[in-house]
């Protein structure tokens, strides 16, 4: 009886472990960059945000991409006539034993300032 129970537990963990690793590769976040079509701006500085989330069996963590973008906008401390442009989003995943996934999202952008 114990042998069948152990096999059932291993099978369930394996199924959930592999099914949680499936991703669509789709980025569902809003990146509203500024269109630059003239020489009416100056480059100020770059800004970066890094967010790490942990998922167990594909659950938990939340939307890491959206949180990284929200943190980037908050930490940019934009002043009047400044805007973010040239967004870049990089995502990496580290899997531990097929059950735990650590997702790291790095979002960077440039701050520009428009001339008056």
Protein backbone atom coordinates (compact mmCIF):
# COMPACT_ATOMS: atom_id res chain seq x y z
CA UNK A 1 0.00 0.00 0.00
CA UNK A 2 2.80 2.42 0.91
CA UNK A 3 4.49 1.71 -2.42
CA UNK A 4 1.37 2.69 -4.42
CA UNK A 5 0.90 5.84 -2.33
CA UNK A 6 4.53 6.88 -2.92
CA UNK A 7 4.23 6.28 -6.69
CA UNK A 8 1.02 8.34 -6.78
CA UNK A 9 2.68 11.25 -4.93
CA UNK A 10 5.70 11.17 -7.26
CA UNK A 11 3.42 11.10 -10.31
CA UNK A 12 1.37 14.08 -9.07
CA UNK A 13 4.48 16.12 -8.26
CA UNK A 14 5.98 15.30 -11.67
CA UNK A 15 2.82 16.26 -13.57
CA UNK A 16 2.44 19.56 -11.73
CA UNK A 17 6.16 20.26 -11.95
CA UNK A 18 6.31 19.95 -15.72
CA UNK A 19 2.97 21.58 -16.44
CA UNK A 20 3.89 24.72 -14.50
CA UNK A 21 6.96 25.30 -16.67
CA UNK A 22 4.96 26.06 -19.79
CA UNK A 23 5.09 29.70 -20.86
CA UNK A 24 3.68 31.56 -23.80
CA UNK A 25 6.53 34.03 -24.12
CA UNK A 26 3.94 36.79 -24.38
CA UNK A 27 4.56 40.10 -22.64
CA UNK A 28 1.26 41.64 -21.51
CA UNK A 29 2.50 44.92 -20.12
CA UNK A 30 2.07 48.45 -21.32
CA UNK A 31 5.23 50.19 -22.47
CA UNK A 32 4.28 53.69 -23.52
CA UNK A 33 7.52 55.07 -24.88
CA UNK A 34 7.93 58.65 -25.99
CA UNK A 35 8.24 59.26 -29.72
CA UNK A 36 11.30 61.36 -30.52
CA UNK A 37 11.18 62.95 -33.94
CA UNK A 38 13.07 66.19 -33.47
CA UNK A 39 16.05 67.73 -31.74
CA UNK A 40 13.95 69.29 -28.99
CA UNK A 41 15.17 67.11 -26.10
CA UNK A 42 18.24 66.25 -24.02
CA UNK A 43 19.30 62.92 -22.56
CA UNK A 44 19.22 63.00 -18.72
CA UNK A 45 20.12 59.52 -17.43
CA UNK A 46 19.19 55.82 -17.57
CA UNK A 47 16.95 54.19 -14.97
CA UNK A 48 16.59 50.48 -14.14
CA UNK A 49 14.26 48.29 -12.08
CA UNK A 50 14.83 44.63 -11.15
CA UNK A 51 12.09 42.39 -9.72
CA UNK A 52 12.48 38.77 -8.60
CA UNK A 53 9.44 36.54 -8.11
CA UNK A 54 9.20 32.93 -6.92
CA UNK A 55 6.59 30.54 -8.29
CA UNK A 56 5.84 27.11 -6.77
CA UNK A 57 4.02 24.75 -9.12
CA UNK A 58 3.41 27.81 -11.31
CA UNK A 59 1.50 29.60 -8.55
CA UNK A 60 2.30 32.75 -6.62
CA UNK A 61 4.54 35.67 -7.36
CA UNK A 62 2.14 37.77 -9.38
CA UNK A 63 2.93 39.72 -12.54
CA UNK A 64 6.66 40.42 -12.32
CA UNK A 65 6.81 42.41 -15.57
CA UNK A 66 4.09 44.86 -14.54
CA UNK A 67 5.60 45.32 -11.08
CA UNK A 68 9.04 46.04 -12.59
CA UNK A 69 7.55 48.67 -14.91
CA UNK A 70 5.56 50.25 -12.10
CA UNK A 71 8.69 50.37 -9.92
CA UNK A 72 10.68 51.89 -12.78
CA UNK A 73 8.15 54.68 -13.27
CA UNK A 74 7.96 55.34 -9.53
CA UNK A 75 11.73 55.41 -9.01
CA UNK A 76 12.40 57.57 -12.06
CA UNK A 77 11.25 60.69 -10.17
CA UNK A 78 10.35 62.49 -13.36
CA UNK A 79 10.31 66.26 -13.27
CA UNK A 80 8.35 68.62 -15.47
CA UNK A 81 9.16 68.21 -19.19
CA UNK A 82 10.77 64.79 -18.61
CA UNK A 83 9.69 61.45 -20.06
CA UNK A 84 10.78 57.82 -20.29
CA UNK A 85 11.81 56.32 -23.61
CA UNK A 86 13.76 53.36 -25.04
CA UNK A 87 12.20 50.74 -22.75
CA UNK A 88 13.97 47.38 -22.54
CA UNK A 89 12.53 44.32 -20.77
CA UNK A 90 14.69 41.27 -20.03
CA UNK A 91 13.31 38.15 -18.37
CA UNK A 92 15.23 35.16 -17.03
CA UNK A 93 14.00 32.04 -15.28
CA UNK A 94 15.82 29.65 -12.97
CA UNK A 95 14.15 26.32 -12.25
CA UNK A 96 14.82 24.37 -9.07
CA UNK A 97 13.86 20.67 -9.06
CA UNK A 98 11.13 21.31 -11.63
CA UNK A 99 8.86 22.67 -8.91
CA UNK A 100 10.14 26.14 -8.03
CA UNK A 101 10.80 28.81 -10.66
CA UNK A 102 12.60 32.03 -9.81
CA UNK A 103 11.80 34.69 -12.39
CA UNK A 104 13.93 37.83 -12.68
CA UNK A 105 12.64 40.77 -14.72
CA UNK A 106 14.89 43.73 -15.52
CA UNK A 107 13.30 46.82 -17.05
CA UNK A 108 15.39 49.77 -18.15
CA UNK A 109 14.63 53.05 -19.88
CA UNK A 110 16.19 56.42 -20.62
CA UNK A 111 14.99 59.67 -19.12
CA UNK A 112 14.89 62.59 -21.52
CA UNK A 113 13.98 66.22 -20.95
CA UNK A 114 12.21 68.30 -23.54
CA UNK A 115 13.45 71.82 -24.22
CA UNK A 116 11.00 74.59 -23.41
